[in-house]
Every structure is written in structure tokens, then in C-alpha cells.
Amino acid sequence: MTLDERCARALTWHGAAMNCAQSVLGAFSDVVGLSDQQISGIAGGFGGGIKYGGLCGAVSAAVMVLGMKYPHTLENGLAGKERISALTREFQRRFQERCGCLNCADLLTWAGVADGSPEKTAFCDTLIVSAVKLLDEMLKELEKE
């Protein structure tokens, strides 16, 4: 899937009232090998910063994708744990650098948008696309290693 197709798929999900986490995870369904129903279920509770304004759902979903692609397993032990930890920190660093912070409530406050407003939807679209682009970039870099 091309980057443009991923971004379009993510925005389609978000436009269908899916949350930011579902939208980002849905854009990488081919990478994680999950059905739309599985994606909806897994990421359903992660929108709105896990429903309390915490970690942005777009970031949560990107970490899910990284974890599924580069998992920490019983077999790879500490090395696997260290790798996914480093990948998680790197994604968070890139997202924070691009978007200003990681916390949903802080992002929305900074943008001055109210929950449920059209401005919030448009702002979240921007965050979703940013997460998709950053994750796509990271995955391509990792494939070259």
C-alpha cells in the first residue's frame, strides 16, 4: 500500500466515526494482518487518549503496529524488549517533534478546539495523517536494516 493510500484509508476510517487509534491501525491492516473488525475491537478504547485525554490514540496505534511488526516475545526475551522499547521511544520522539506533544488533551488545548466540534475532527485528521506518515517512514527505514 502506498503512503497516499494509507493516509486516505486512515481518513476514511476517521470520517466513519472511528477514533484516532482505529484510524491509524486501520491504515496498516496489511502490515499487522488484522481484519477491520479486529482493528475496531482492539483499538476501540484507545481514542481520546484512552478516554481520559492521555496518550494520543494515533500514537498508541502506531506503537501497536510497531509491536506487531517487531514484537517482544518469550523467544527473543530481553533483546526483543529492548528493540520495541527503542522503537516506541523513537516514534514518540518523532511525533512530539512534529506535533508538539503526545497527550491528547494537551494537543487539543494547544489547538484551541472543543470536543465534538468540526475543528476537533479536522485537527485530529492532521494528527492521524502525521502519525501515518511518521510510522510509514519508520517502517521503511527498518526494512532497509
C-alpha atoms as a PDB file:
ATOM      1  CA  MET A   1       0.000   0.000   0.000  1.00  0.00           C
ATOM      2  CA  THR A   2       1.342   3.443  -0.861  1.00  0.00           C
ATOM      3  CA  LEU A   3       1.640   6.261   1.651  1.00  0.00           C
ATOM      4  CA  ASP A   4      -1.175   8.145  -0.072  1.00  0.00           C
ATOM      5  CA  GLU A   5      -3.395   5.066   0.141  1.00  0.00           C
ATOM      6  CA  ARG A   6      -2.573   4.667   3.843  1.00  0.00           C
ATOM      7  CA  CYS A   7      -3.424   8.296   4.562  1.00  0.00           C
ATOM      8  CA  ALA A   8      -6.668   8.042   2.587  1.00  0.00           C
ATOM      9  CA  ARG A   9      -7.628   4.825   4.384  1.00  0.00           C
ATOM     10  CA  ALA A  10      -6.946   6.413   7.776  1.00  0.00           C
ATOM     11  CA  LEU A  11      -9.067   9.446   6.908  1.00  0.00           C
ATOM     12  CA  THR A  12     -11.860   7.208   5.625  1.00  0.00           C
ATOM     13  CA  TRP A  13     -11.885   5.373   8.947  1.00  0.00           C
ATOM     14  CA  HIS A  14     -11.910   8.629  10.891  1.00  0.00           C
ATOM     15  CA  GLY A  15     -14.650  10.022   8.669  1.00  0.00           C
ATOM     16  CA  ALA A  16     -16.729   6.946   9.511  1.00  0.00           C
ATOM     17  CA  ALA A  17     -16.640   7.931  13.214  1.00  0.00           C
ATOM     18  CA  MET A  18     -13.741   5.677  14.127  1.00  0.00           C
ATOM     19  CA  ASN A  19     -11.317   7.057  16.683  1.00  0.00           C
ATOM     20  CA  CYS A  20      -7.728   8.119  16.002  1.00  0.00           C
ATOM     21  CA  ALA A  21      -6.269   4.790  17.147  1.00  0.00           C
ATOM     22  CA  GLN A  22      -8.646   2.769  14.969  1.00  0.00           C
ATOM     23  CA  SER A  23      -7.884   5.044  12.033  1.00  0.00           C
ATOM     24  CA  VAL A  24      -4.106   4.688  12.263  1.00  0.00           C
ATOM     25  CA  LEU A  25      -4.216   0.954  12.969  1.00  0.00           C
ATOM     26  CA  GLY A  26      -6.671   0.539  10.082  1.00  0.00           C
ATOM     27  CA  ALA A  27      -4.227   2.232   7.722  1.00  0.00           C
ATOM     28  CA  PHE A  28      -1.715  -0.528   8.466  1.00  0.00           C
ATOM     29  CA  SER A  29      -4.046  -3.527   8.297  1.00  0.00           C
ATOM     30  CA  ASP A  30      -1.842  -5.063   5.606  1.00  0.00           C
ATOM     31  CA  VAL A  31       1.194  -4.800   7.888  1.00  0.00           C
ATOM     32  CA  VAL A  32      -0.445  -6.228  11.002  1.00  0.00           C
ATOM     33  CA  GLY A  33      -2.649  -8.797   9.252  1.00  0.00           C
ATOM     34  CA  LEU A  34      -5.827  -7.911  11.131  1.00  0.00           C
ATOM     35  CA  SER A  35      -9.357  -7.646   9.803  1.00  0.00           C
ATOM     36  CA  ASP A  36     -11.311  -4.411  10.031  1.00  0.00           C
ATOM     37  CA  GLN A  37     -13.438  -5.948  12.788  1.00  0.00           C
ATOM     38  CA  GLN A  38     -10.350  -6.948  14.791  1.00  0.00           C
ATOM     39  CA  ILE A  39      -8.853  -3.479  14.367  1.00  0.00           C
ATOM     40  CA  SER A  40     -12.093  -1.853  15.503  1.00  0.00           C
ATOM     41  CA  GLY A  41     -12.190  -4.039  18.597  1.00  0.00           C
ATOM     42  CA  ILE A  42      -8.537  -3.806  19.574  1.00  0.00           C
ATOM     43  CA  ALA A  43      -8.233  -0.034  19.177  1.00  0.00           C
ATOM     44  CA  GLY A  44     -11.778   0.915  20.156  1.00  0.00           C
ATOM     45  CA  GLY A  45     -10.905   2.012  23.671  1.00  0.00           C
ATOM     46  CA  PHE A  46      -7.788   3.970  22.769  1.00  0.00           C
ATOM     47  CA  GLY A  47      -9.416   7.072  21.270  1.00  0.00           C
ATOM     48  CA  GLY A  48      -9.477  10.309  23.195  1.00  0.00           C
ATOM     49  CA  GLY A  49      -6.273   9.388  24.951  1.00  0.00           C
ATOM     50  CA  ILE A  50      -7.769   6.147  26.305  1.00  0.00           C
ATOM     51  CA  LYS A  51     -10.907   8.149  27.038  1.00  0.00           C
ATOM     52  CA  TYR A  52      -9.230  10.440  29.606  1.00  0.00           C
ATOM     53  CA  GLY A  53      -7.075  12.713  27.471  1.00  0.00           C
ATOM     54  CA  GLY A  54      -3.855  10.729  27.927  1.00  0.00           C
ATOM     55  CA  LEU A  55      -1.560   9.437  25.197  1.00  0.00           C
ATOM     56  CA  CYS A  56      -2.920  10.377  21.756  1.00  0.00           C
ATOM     57  CA  GLY A  57      -4.695   7.437  20.120  1.00  0.00           C
ATOM     58  CA  ALA A  58      -2.741   7.952  16.906  1.00  0.00           C
ATOM     59  CA  VAL A  59       0.476   7.384  18.876  1.00  0.00           C
ATOM     60  CA  SER A  60      -0.987   4.373  20.697  1.00  0.00           C
ATOM     61  CA  ALA A  61      -1.906   2.738  17.384  1.00  0.00           C
ATOM     62  CA  ALA A  62       1.499   3.411  15.855  1.00  0.00           C
ATOM     63  CA  VAL A  63       3.092   1.671  18.836  1.00  0.00           C
ATOM     64  CA  MET A  64       0.671  -1.248  18.326  1.00  0.00           C
ATOM     65  CA  VAL A  65       1.833  -1.573  14.716  1.00  0.00           C
ATOM     66  CA  LEU A  66       5.491  -1.435  15.724  1.00  0.00           C
ATOM     67  CA  GLY A  67       4.857  -4.044  18.413  1.00  0.00           C
ATOM     68  CA  MET A  68       3.129  -6.384  15.992  1.00  0.00           C
ATOM     69  CA  LYS A  69       5.835  -5.966  13.358  1.00  0.00           C
ATOM     70  CA  TYR A  70       8.751  -6.133  15.828  1.00  0.00           C
ATOM     71  CA  PRO A  71       7.326  -7.982  18.837  1.00  0.00           C
ATOM     72  CA  HIS A  72       8.845  -8.655  22.206  1.00  0.00           C
ATOM     73  CA  THR A  73       8.258 -12.386  22.643  1.00  0.00           C
ATOM     74  CA  LEU A  74       9.232 -15.143  25.009  1.00  0.00           C
ATOM     75  CA  GLU A  75      11.659 -16.317  22.350  1.00  0.00           C
ATOM     76  CA  ASN A  76      13.527 -13.039  21.821  1.00  0.00           C
ATOM     77  CA  GLY A  77      13.500 -12.058  25.506  1.00  0.00           C
ATOM     78  CA  LEU A  78      15.398  -9.005  26.622  1.00  0.00           C
ATOM     79  CA  ALA A  79      16.691  -8.208  23.119  1.00  0.00           C
ATOM     80  CA  GLY A  80      13.108  -8.057  21.810  1.00  0.00           C
ATOM     81  CA  LYS A  81      12.033  -5.938  24.756  1.00  0.00           C
ATOM     82  CA  GLU A  82      14.890  -3.507  24.221  1.00  0.00           C
ATOM     83  CA  ARG A  83      14.149  -3.242  20.493  1.00  0.00           C
ATOM     84  CA  ILE A  84      10.438  -2.457  20.839  1.00  0.00           C
ATOM     85  CA  SER A  85      11.207  -0.058  23.675  1.00  0.00           C
ATOM     86  CA  ALA A  86      13.668   1.812  21.466  1.00  0.00           C
ATOM     87  CA  LEU A  87      11.241   1.852  18.533  1.00  0.00           C
ATOM     88  CA  THR A  88       8.460   3.138  20.787  1.00  0.00           C
ATOM     89  CA  ARG A  89      10.628   5.923  22.154  1.00  0.00           C
ATOM     90  CA  GLU A  90      11.776   6.860  18.647  1.00  0.00           C
ATOM     91  CA  PHE A  91       8.221   7.071  17.313  1.00  0.00           C
ATOM     92  CA  GLN A  92       7.183   9.169  20.300  1.00  0.00           C
ATOM     93  CA  ARG A  93      10.172  11.475  19.774  1.00  0.00           C
ATOM     94  CA  ARG A  94       9.298  11.993  16.113  1.00  0.00           C
ATOM     95  CA  PHE A  95       5.608  12.577  16.827  1.00  0.00           C
ATOM     96  CA  GLN A  96       6.363  15.037  19.611  1.00  0.00           C
ATOM     97  CA  GLU A  97       8.849  16.863  17.396  1.00  0.00           C
ATOM     98  CA  ARG A  98       6.265  17.182  14.619  1.00  0.00           C
ATOM     99  CA  CYS A  99       3.101  17.736  16.665  1.00  0.00           C
ATOM    100  CA  GLY A 100       4.311  19.390  19.863  1.00  0.00           C
ATOM    101  CA  CYS A 101       3.373  16.815  22.481  1.00  0.00           C
ATOM    102  CA  LEU A 102       1.978  13.308  22.967  1.00  0.00           C
ATOM    103  CA  ASN A 103      -1.004  13.927  25.220  1.00  0.00           C
ATOM    104  CA  CYS A 104      -4.464  14.127  23.600  1.00  0.00           C
ATOM    105  CA  ALA A 105      -5.885  16.726  25.986  1.00  0.00           C
ATOM    106  CA  ASP A 106      -2.794  18.917  25.660  1.00  0.00           C
ATOM    107  CA  LEU A 107      -2.850  18.661  21.866  1.00  0.00           C
ATOM    108  CA  LEU A 108      -6.497  19.717  21.772  1.00  0.00           C
ATOM    109  CA  THR A 109      -5.976  22.536  24.283  1.00  0.00           C
ATOM    110  CA  TRP A 110      -2.971  23.806  22.342  1.00  0.00           C
ATOM    111  CA  ALA A 111      -5.039  23.781  19.141  1.00  0.00           C
ATOM    112  CA  GLY A 112      -7.921  25.509  20.930  1.00  0.00           C
ATOM    113  CA  VAL A 113     -10.539  23.037  19.739  1.00  0.00           C
ATOM    114  CA  ALA A 114     -13.566  21.835  21.655  1.00  0.00           C
ATOM    115  CA  ASP A 115     -14.537  18.198  21.948  1.00  0.00           C
ATOM    116  CA  GLY A 116     -17.139  17.257  19.344  1.00  0.00           C
ATOM    117  CA  SER A 117     -16.505  20.319  17.168  1.00  0.00           C
ATOM    118  CA  PRO A 118     -15.751  20.179  13.431  1.00  0.00           C
ATOM    119  CA  GLU A 119     -12.435  21.851  14.241  1.00  0.00           C
ATOM    120  CA  LYS A 120     -11.519  18.936  16.517  1.00  0.00           C
ATOM    121  CA  THR A 121     -12.230  16.441  13.747  1.00  0.00           C
ATOM    122  CA  ALA A 122     -10.065  18.400  11.302  1.00  0.00           C
ATOM    123  CA  PHE A 123      -7.269  18.753  13.861  1.00  0.00           C
ATOM    124  CA  CYS A 124      -7.368  15.039  14.662  1.00  0.00           C
ATOM    125  CA  ASP A 125      -7.245  14.312  10.913  1.00  0.00           C
ATOM    126  CA  THR A 126      -3.949  16.222  10.858  1.00  0.00           C
ATOM    127  CA  LEU A 127      -2.595  14.212  13.796  1.00  0.00           C
ATOM    128  CA  ILE A 128      -3.713  10.932  12.210  1.00  0.00           C
ATOM    129  CA  VAL A 129      -2.027  11.741   8.908  1.00  0.00           C
ATOM    130  CA  SER A 130       1.120  12.831  10.755  1.00  0.00           C
ATOM    131  CA  ALA A 131       1.211   9.529  12.660  1.00  0.00           C
ATOM    132  CA  VAL A 132       0.641   7.517   9.466  1.00  0.00           C
ATOM    133  CA  LYS A 133       3.436   9.358   7.658  1.00  0.00           C
ATOM    134  CA  LEU A 134       5.883   9.012  10.549  1.00  0.00           C
ATOM    135  CA  LEU A 135       5.114   5.329  11.013  1.00  0.00           C
ATOM    136  CA  ASP A 136       5.366   4.613   7.294  1.00  0.00           C
ATOM    137  CA  GLU A 137       8.741   6.372   7.256  1.00  0.00           C
ATOM    138  CA  MET A 138       9.990   4.371  10.244  1.00  0.00           C
ATOM    139  CA  LEU A 139       8.825   1.056   8.803  1.00  0.00           C
ATOM    140  CA  LYS A 140      10.597   1.797   5.515  1.00  0.00           C
ATOM    141  CA  GLU A 141      13.789   2.668   7.394  1.00  0.00           C
ATOM    142  CA  LEU A 142      13.550  -0.554   9.408  1.00  0.00           C
ATOM    143  CA  GLU A 143      13.024  -2.621   6.273  1.00  0.00           C
ATOM    144  CA  LYS A 144      16.350  -1.328   4.945  1.00  0.00           C
ATOM    145  CA  GLU A 145      18.246  -2.549   8.031  1.00  0.00           C
END
